[in-house]
Amino acid sequence: MSTIEVKNSKGEKVSEVEIPEAMRAPAVSEGAVSEVVRMHQANQRRGTASTRTKGEVAGSGRKPWRQKGTGRARAGDVNSPIWRGGGVVFGPHPRDYSFSVPKKVKRKALKSALAQRFFKQEVIVLDALEVEAPKTSELSGILSRIGAGNSVLIVLPVRDRKLHLSARNLPGVEVAGIRELNTLSVLSHRKIVITSEALGHLREWMETIK
């Protein structure tokens, strides 16, 4: 067992909480993490890139000039890919890049990513995180006082609308509930800020993953 200090919104230490070794193991399932990150990135692709082939571009199918005797290169179609305005050979077409991986692989990858963050001491635990109203400056002040930096994933027991609206205009800051956590979000931010309540739920969940 190891401990991590718990801070309040002023950045002051108020207590400590125990973190089991299962939550801060240096071992990482690199294969699972790599596959799940690739899945999340692929699922975010719109896949709308498109080009026209020789048969799809507008243009006459008539031979532009006779085959011989003009001194020019032989040409049979103005839609040829070698002509300006012609079709594109092997160009992209709309497609779906998304794919899925087994649920067990997703859980293993998320546990590995979180364990590494705890092991590297890149997690800040707060006793509570609340704002009176959706206000960017208030949340920015809290993150500054606790030393979270400008690349932060805020983890809450459940999604909080006020905090979500407060973080919306802060570049590099993301707010997520426990159920919304994913491997890509965990790895995309330099620091993780989590409340004590959310940490309790996360601890119970991580201890069930083998």
C-alpha atoms as a PDB file:
ATOM      1  CA  MET A   1       0.000   0.000   0.000  1.00  0.00           C
ATOM      2  CA  SER A   2       1.041   3.574  -0.630  1.00  0.00           C
ATOM      3  CA  THR A   3      -0.564   6.889   0.186  1.00  0.00           C
ATOM      4  CA  ILE A   4      -1.388  10.003  -1.780  1.00  0.00           C
ATOM      5  CA  GLU A   5      -2.264  13.332  -0.252  1.00  0.00           C
ATOM      6  CA  VAL A   6      -5.733  14.827  -0.571  1.00  0.00           C
ATOM      7  CA  LYS A   7      -5.984  18.574  -1.206  1.00  0.00           C
ATOM      8  CA  ASN A   8      -8.796  21.073  -0.977  1.00  0.00           C
ATOM      9  CA  SER A   9      -9.669  23.616  -3.672  1.00  0.00           C
ATOM     10  CA  LYS A  10      -7.150  26.032  -2.145  1.00  0.00           C
ATOM     11  CA  GLY A  11      -4.294  23.605  -2.717  1.00  0.00           C
ATOM     12  CA  GLU A  12      -3.888  22.799   0.979  1.00  0.00           C
ATOM     13  CA  LYS A  13      -3.300  19.249   2.179  1.00  0.00           C
ATOM     14  CA  VAL A  14      -6.223  18.017   4.246  1.00  0.00           C
ATOM     15  CA  SER A  15      -5.590  14.279   4.542  1.00  0.00           C
ATOM     16  CA  GLU A  16      -4.097  11.200   2.916  1.00  0.00           C
ATOM     17  CA  VAL A  17      -5.658   8.229   1.163  1.00  0.00           C
ATOM     18  CA  GLU A  18      -4.224   4.759   0.656  1.00  0.00           C
ATOM     19  CA  ILE A  19      -3.562   3.540  -2.872  1.00  0.00           C
ATOM     20  CA  PRO A  20      -3.118  -0.234  -3.308  1.00  0.00           C
ATOM     21  CA  GLU A  21      -0.270  -1.541  -5.431  1.00  0.00           C
ATOM     22  CA  ALA A  22      -2.780  -2.762  -8.023  1.00  0.00           C
ATOM     23  CA  MET A  23      -3.529   0.889  -8.834  1.00  0.00           C
ATOM     24  CA  ARG A  24       0.071   1.973  -9.263  1.00  0.00           C
ATOM     25  CA  ALA A  25       1.853  -1.020 -10.794  1.00  0.00           C
ATOM     26  CA  PRO A  26       4.685  -0.144 -13.203  1.00  0.00           C
ATOM     27  CA  ALA A  27       3.749  -3.018 -15.528  1.00  0.00           C
ATOM     28  CA  VAL A  28       1.712  -1.948 -18.539  1.00  0.00           C
ATOM     29  CA  SER A  29      -0.132  -4.039 -21.096  1.00  0.00           C
ATOM     30  CA  GLU A  30       1.324  -2.150 -24.064  1.00  0.00           C
ATOM     31  CA  GLY A  31      -0.483  -4.281 -26.626  1.00  0.00           C
ATOM     32  CA  ALA A  32      -3.896  -3.583 -25.124  1.00  0.00           C
ATOM     33  CA  VAL A  33      -3.176   0.137 -24.674  1.00  0.00           C
ATOM     34  CA  SER A  34      -1.934   0.503 -28.255  1.00  0.00           C
ATOM     35  CA  GLU A  35      -4.920  -1.322 -29.730  1.00  0.00           C
ATOM     36  CA  VAL A  36      -7.496   0.615 -27.706  1.00  0.00           C
ATOM     37  CA  VAL A  37      -5.901   4.004 -28.457  1.00  0.00           C
ATOM     38  CA  ARG A  38      -5.861   3.147 -32.159  1.00  0.00           C
ATOM     39  CA  MET A  39      -9.538   2.174 -31.909  1.00  0.00           C
ATOM     40  CA  HIS A  40     -10.527   5.480 -30.264  1.00  0.00           C
ATOM     41  CA  GLN A  41      -8.594   7.502 -32.848  1.00  0.00           C
ATOM     42  CA  ALA A  42     -10.039   5.510 -35.751  1.00  0.00           C
ATOM     43  CA  ASN A  43     -13.583   5.897 -34.414  1.00  0.00           C
ATOM     44  CA  GLN A  44     -13.117   9.681 -34.353  1.00  0.00           C
ATOM     45  CA  ARG A  45     -12.246   9.819 -38.058  1.00  0.00           C
ATOM     46  CA  ARG A  46     -15.056  11.148 -40.220  1.00  0.00           C
ATOM     47  CA  GLY A  47     -13.979   9.226 -43.318  1.00  0.00           C
ATOM     48  CA  THR A  48     -15.410  11.811 -45.715  1.00  0.00           C
ATOM     49  CA  ALA A  49     -12.308  12.325 -47.904  1.00  0.00           C
ATOM     50  CA  SER A  50     -13.305  11.737 -51.502  1.00  0.00           C
ATOM     51  CA  THR A  51     -11.891  12.037 -55.023  1.00  0.00           C
ATOM     52  CA  ARG A  52     -13.347  11.337 -58.464  1.00  0.00           C
ATOM     53  CA  THR A  53     -12.139   8.588 -60.719  1.00  0.00           C
ATOM     54  CA  LYS A  54     -11.694   8.851 -64.486  1.00  0.00           C
ATOM     55  CA  GLY A  55     -15.287   7.746 -64.988  1.00  0.00           C
ATOM     56  CA  GLU A  56     -16.728  10.285 -62.507  1.00  0.00           C
ATOM     57  CA  VAL A  57     -15.155  13.588 -63.633  1.00  0.00           C
ATOM     58  CA  ALA A  58     -17.024  15.817 -66.075  1.00  0.00           C
ATOM     59  CA  GLY A  59     -15.637  15.727 -69.606  1.00  0.00           C
ATOM     60  CA  SER A  60     -16.151  14.368 -73.069  1.00  0.00           C
ATOM     61  CA  GLY A  61     -15.157  10.846 -73.973  1.00  0.00           C
ATOM     62  CA  ARG A  62     -14.116  11.976 -77.431  1.00  0.00           C
ATOM     63  CA  LYS A  63     -10.515  11.552 -78.508  1.00  0.00           C
ATOM     64  CA  PRO A  64      -9.011  15.086 -78.331  1.00  0.00           C
ATOM     65  CA  TRP A  65      -6.957  14.737 -81.540  1.00  0.00           C
ATOM     66  CA  ARG A  66      -5.981  12.085 -84.014  1.00  0.00           C
ATOM     67  CA  GLN A  67      -3.498   9.429 -83.056  1.00  0.00           C
ATOM     68  CA  LYS A  68      -0.686  10.330 -85.438  1.00  0.00           C
ATOM     69  CA  GLY A  69       0.660  13.247 -87.390  1.00  0.00           C
ATOM     70  CA  THR A  70       0.084  16.122 -84.943  1.00  0.00           C
ATOM     71  CA  GLY A  71       3.469  15.960 -83.165  1.00  0.00           C
ATOM     72  CA  ARG A  72       1.703  15.728 -79.816  1.00  0.00           C
ATOM     73  CA  ALA A  73       1.547  12.830 -77.391  1.00  0.00           C
ATOM     74  CA  ARG A  74      -1.021  10.156 -77.983  1.00  0.00           C
ATOM     75  CA  ALA A  75      -4.194  10.895 -76.005  1.00  0.00           C
ATOM     76  CA  GLY A  76      -7.492   9.086 -75.917  1.00  0.00           C
ATOM     77  CA  ASP A  77      -9.483  10.878 -73.231  1.00  0.00           C
ATOM     78  CA  VAL A  78      -9.456  14.329 -71.571  1.00  0.00           C
ATOM     79  CA  ASN A  79     -10.497  12.615 -68.346  1.00  0.00           C
ATOM     80  CA  SER A  80      -7.161  10.812 -68.145  1.00  0.00           C
ATOM     81  CA  PRO A  81      -5.460  10.963 -64.727  1.00  0.00           C
ATOM     82  CA  ILE A  82      -2.350  12.500 -66.334  1.00  0.00           C
ATOM     83  CA  TRP A  83      -4.352  15.494 -67.554  1.00  0.00           C
ATOM     84  CA  ARG A  84      -5.165  18.517 -65.449  1.00  0.00           C
ATOM     85  CA  GLY A  85      -8.770  18.158 -64.276  1.00  0.00           C
ATOM     86  CA  GLY A  86      -8.738  14.452 -64.960  1.00  0.00           C
ATOM     87  CA  GLY A  87      -9.617  11.627 -62.622  1.00  0.00           C
ATOM     88  CA  VAL A  88      -7.536  10.488 -59.626  1.00  0.00           C
ATOM     89  CA  VAL A  89      -5.985   7.035 -59.525  1.00  0.00           C
ATOM     90  CA  PHE A  90      -6.450   5.118 -56.255  1.00  0.00           C
ATOM     91  CA  GLY A  91      -7.679   8.249 -54.474  1.00  0.00           C
ATOM     92  CA  PRO A  92      -9.615   8.196 -51.179  1.00  0.00           C
ATOM     93  CA  HIS A  93     -13.341   7.527 -51.083  1.00  0.00           C
ATOM     94  CA  PRO A  94     -15.819   7.842 -48.180  1.00  0.00           C
ATOM     95  CA  ARG A  95     -15.398   4.942 -45.792  1.00  0.00           C
ATOM     96  CA  ASP A  96     -15.950   3.917 -42.193  1.00  0.00           C
ATOM     97  CA  TYR A  97     -12.686   3.591 -40.248  1.00  0.00           C
ATOM     98  CA  SER A  98     -14.287   2.514 -36.983  1.00  0.00           C
ATOM     99  CA  PHE A  99     -13.729  -0.858 -35.370  1.00  0.00           C
ATOM    100  CA  SER A 100     -14.166  -2.353 -31.918  1.00  0.00           C
ATOM    101  CA  VAL A 101     -12.123  -4.439 -29.496  1.00  0.00           C
ATOM    102  CA  PRO A 102     -13.321  -6.843 -26.797  1.00  0.00           C
ATOM    103  CA  LYS A 103     -14.592  -5.298 -23.570  1.00  0.00           C
ATOM    104  CA  LYS A 104     -11.917  -7.110 -21.546  1.00  0.00           C
ATOM    105  CA  VAL A 105      -9.179  -5.502 -23.660  1.00  0.00           C
ATOM    106  CA  LYS A 106     -10.695  -2.042 -23.125  1.00  0.00           C
ATOM    107  CA  ARG A 107     -10.785  -2.556 -19.355  1.00  0.00           C
ATOM    108  CA  LYS A 108      -7.235  -3.890 -19.258  1.00  0.00           C
ATOM    109  CA  ALA A 109      -5.946  -0.929 -21.284  1.00  0.00           C
ATOM    110  CA  LEU A 110      -7.742   1.617 -19.099  1.00  0.00           C
ATOM    111  CA  LYS A 111      -6.445  -0.004 -15.920  1.00  0.00           C
ATOM    112  CA  SER A 112      -2.885   0.013 -17.320  1.00  0.00           C
ATOM    113  CA  ALA A 113      -3.112   3.695 -18.289  1.00  0.00           C
ATOM    114  CA  LEU A 114      -4.500   4.720 -14.878  1.00  0.00           C
ATOM    115  CA  ALA A 115      -1.967   2.604 -12.959  1.00  0.00           C
ATOM    116  CA  GLN A 116       0.873   4.305 -14.817  1.00  0.00           C
ATOM    117  CA  ARG A 117      -0.511   7.742 -13.923  1.00  0.00           C
ATOM    118  CA  PHE A 118      -0.634   6.838 -10.232  1.00  0.00           C
ATOM    119  CA  PHE A 119       2.830   5.248 -10.428  1.00  0.00           C
ATOM    120  CA  LYS A 120       4.305   8.416 -11.995  1.00  0.00           C
ATOM    121  CA  GLN A 121       2.503  10.597  -9.410  1.00  0.00           C
ATOM    122  CA  GLU A 122       0.558  12.462 -12.074  1.00  0.00           C
ATOM    123  CA  VAL A 123      -2.729  12.304 -10.150  1.00  0.00           C
ATOM    124  CA  ILE A 124      -4.065  15.034  -7.858  1.00  0.00           C
ATOM    125  CA  VAL A 125      -6.800  14.060  -5.403  1.00  0.00           C
ATOM    126  CA  LEU A 126      -9.260  16.695  -4.164  1.00  0.00           C
ATOM    127  CA  ASP A 127     -11.624  16.297  -1.245  1.00  0.00           C
ATOM    128  CA  ALA A 128     -14.328  17.915  -3.407  1.00  0.00           C
ATOM    129  CA  LEU A 129     -14.609  19.992  -6.563  1.00  0.00           C
ATOM    130  CA  GLU A 130     -17.558  22.325  -6.965  1.00  0.00           C
ATOM    131  CA  VAL A 131     -18.282  25.714  -8.522  1.00  0.00           C
ATOM    132  CA  GLU A 132     -21.173  27.961  -7.536  1.00  0.00           C
ATOM    133  CA  ALA A 133     -21.992  28.783 -11.153  1.00  0.00           C
ATOM    134  CA  PRO A 134     -20.605  27.941 -14.590  1.00  0.00           C
ATOM    135  CA  LYS A 135     -17.608  30.266 -14.534  1.00  0.00           C
ATOM    136  CA  THR A 136     -14.343  29.617 -16.345  1.00  0.00           C
ATOM    137  CA  SER A 137     -12.255  31.907 -14.159  1.00  0.00           C
ATOM    138  CA  GLU A 138     -13.332  30.119 -10.973  1.00  0.00           C
ATOM    139  CA  LEU A 139     -12.307  26.688 -12.265  1.00  0.00           C
ATOM    140  CA  SER A 140      -9.111  28.099 -13.747  1.00  0.00           C
ATOM    141  CA  GLY A 141      -8.203  29.544 -10.341  1.00  0.00           C
ATOM    142  CA  ILE A 142      -8.758  26.196  -8.608  1.00  0.00           C
ATOM    143  CA  LEU A 143      -6.580  24.343 -11.133  1.00  0.00           C
ATOM    144  CA  SER A 144      -3.865  26.968 -10.723  1.00  0.00           C
ATOM    145  CA  ARG A 145      -3.881  26.741  -6.906  1.00  0.00           C
ATOM    146  CA  ILE A 146      -3.558  22.956  -6.871  1.00  0.00           C
ATOM    147  CA  GLY A 147      -0.772  22.995  -9.482  1.00  0.00           C
ATOM    148  CA  ALA A 148      -2.639  21.027 -12.132  1.00  0.00           C
ATOM    149  CA  GLY A 149      -1.160  22.868 -15.116  1.00  0.00           C
ATOM    150  CA  ASN A 150      -2.964  23.432 -18.407  1.00  0.00           C
ATOM    151  CA  SER A 151      -3.452  19.843 -19.585  1.00  0.00           C
ATOM    152  CA  VAL A 152      -5.903  18.281 -17.159  1.00  0.00           C
ATOM    153  CA  LEU A 153      -8.468  15.500 -17.072  1.00  0.00           C
ATOM    154  CA  ILE A 154     -10.970  16.134 -14.268  1.00  0.00           C
ATOM    155  CA  VAL A 155     -12.631  12.924 -13.063  1.00  0.00           C
ATOM    156  CA  LEU A 156     -15.887  13.130 -11.106  1.00  0.00           C
ATOM    157  CA  PRO A 157     -18.271  10.490  -9.694  1.00  0.00           C
ATOM    158  CA  VAL A 158     -20.879  11.678 -12.206  1.00  0.00           C
ATOM    159  CA  ARG A 159     -20.783  14.314 -14.924  1.00  0.00           C
ATOM    160  CA  ASP A 160     -21.349  17.810 -13.514  1.00  0.00           C
ATOM    161  CA  ARG A 161     -22.943  20.340 -15.855  1.00  0.00           C
ATOM    162  CA  LYS A 162     -21.548  23.410 -14.060  1.00  0.00           C
ATOM    163  CA  LEU A 163     -17.991  22.088 -14.163  1.00  0.00           C
ATOM    164  CA  HIS A 164     -18.416  20.981 -17.769  1.00  0.00           C
ATOM    165  CA  LEU A 165     -19.508  24.474 -18.820  1.00  0.00           C
ATOM    166  CA  SER A 166     -16.734  26.046 -16.737  1.00  0.00           C
ATOM    167  CA  ALA A 167     -14.090  23.922 -18.451  1.00  0.00           C
ATOM    168  CA  ARG A 168     -15.453  24.318 -21.962  1.00  0.00           C
ATOM    169  CA  ASN A 169     -13.385  27.432 -22.707  1.00  0.00           C
ATOM    170  CA  LEU A 170     -10.190  26.137 -21.084  1.00  0.00           C
ATOM    171  CA  PRO A 171      -7.895  24.588 -23.725  1.00  0.00           C
ATOM    172  CA  GLY A 172      -6.529  21.232 -22.631  1.00  0.00           C
ATOM    173  CA  VAL A 173      -9.071  20.736 -19.821  1.00  0.00           C
ATOM    174  CA  GLU A 174     -11.621  17.899 -20.013  1.00  0.00           C
ATOM    175  CA  VAL A 175     -14.289  16.891 -17.508  1.00  0.00           C
ATOM    176  CA  ALA A 176     -15.532  13.307 -17.339  1.00  0.00           C
ATOM    177  CA  GLY A 177     -17.537  11.088 -15.046  1.00  0.00           C
ATOM    178  CA  ILE A 178     -16.225   7.691 -13.950  1.00  0.00           C
ATOM    179  CA  ARG A 179     -18.352   5.915 -16.552  1.00  0.00           C
ATOM    180  CA  GLU A 180     -17.013   8.179 -19.327  1.00  0.00           C
ATOM    181  CA  LEU A 181     -13.338   7.424 -18.737  1.00  0.00           C
ATOM    182  CA  ASN A 182     -11.407   5.948 -21.622  1.00  0.00           C
ATOM    183  CA  THR A 183      -7.769   5.133 -22.306  1.00  0.00           C
ATOM    184  CA  LEU A 184      -7.252   7.910 -24.880  1.00  0.00           C
ATOM    185  CA  SER A 185      -8.482  10.637 -22.494  1.00  0.00           C
ATOM    186  CA  VAL A 186      -6.268   9.350 -19.674  1.00  0.00           C
ATOM    187  CA  LEU A 187      -3.175   9.378 -21.898  1.00  0.00           C
ATOM    188  CA  SER A 188      -3.969  12.689 -23.635  1.00  0.00           C
ATOM    189  CA  HIS A 189      -3.542  14.863 -20.536  1.00  0.00           C
ATOM    190  CA  ARG A 190      -0.495  15.520 -18.384  1.00  0.00           C
ATOM    191  CA  LYS A 191      -2.384  15.533 -15.091  1.00  0.00           C
ATOM    192  CA  ILE A 192      -5.473  13.855 -13.702  1.00  0.00           C
ATOM    193  CA  VAL A 193      -7.540  15.618 -11.050  1.00  0.00           C
ATOM    194  CA  ILE A 194      -9.940  13.297  -9.254  1.00  0.00           C
ATOM    195  CA  THR A 195     -12.232  13.762  -6.265  1.00  0.00           C
ATOM    196  CA  SER A 196     -12.060  11.492  -3.224  1.00  0.00           C
ATOM    197  CA  GLU A 197     -15.487  10.048  -3.980  1.00  0.00           C
ATOM    198  CA  ALA A 198     -14.568   9.278  -7.574  1.00  0.00           C
ATOM    199  CA  LEU A 199     -11.294   7.726  -6.413  1.00  0.00           C
ATOM    200  CA  GLY A 200     -13.219   5.365  -4.153  1.00  0.00           C
ATOM    201  CA  HIS A 201     -15.351   4.167  -7.072  1.00  0.00           C
ATOM    202  CA  LEU A 202     -12.288   3.890  -9.304  1.00  0.00           C
ATOM    203  CA  ARG A 203     -10.420   1.858  -6.693  1.00  0.00           C
ATOM    204  CA  GLU A 204     -13.248  -0.653  -6.400  1.00  0.00           C
ATOM    205  CA  TRP A 205     -13.438  -0.965 -10.193  1.00  0.00           C
ATOM    206  CA  MET A 206      -9.684  -1.412 -10.716  1.00  0.00           C
ATOM    207  CA  GLU A 207      -9.461  -4.124  -8.067  1.00  0.00           C
ATOM    208  CA  THR A 208     -11.933  -6.225 -10.083  1.00  0.00           C
ATOM    209  CA  ILE A 209      -9.832  -6.101 -13.275  1.00  0.00           C
ATOM    210  CA  LYS A 210      -7.309  -8.897 -13.656  1.00  0.00           C
END
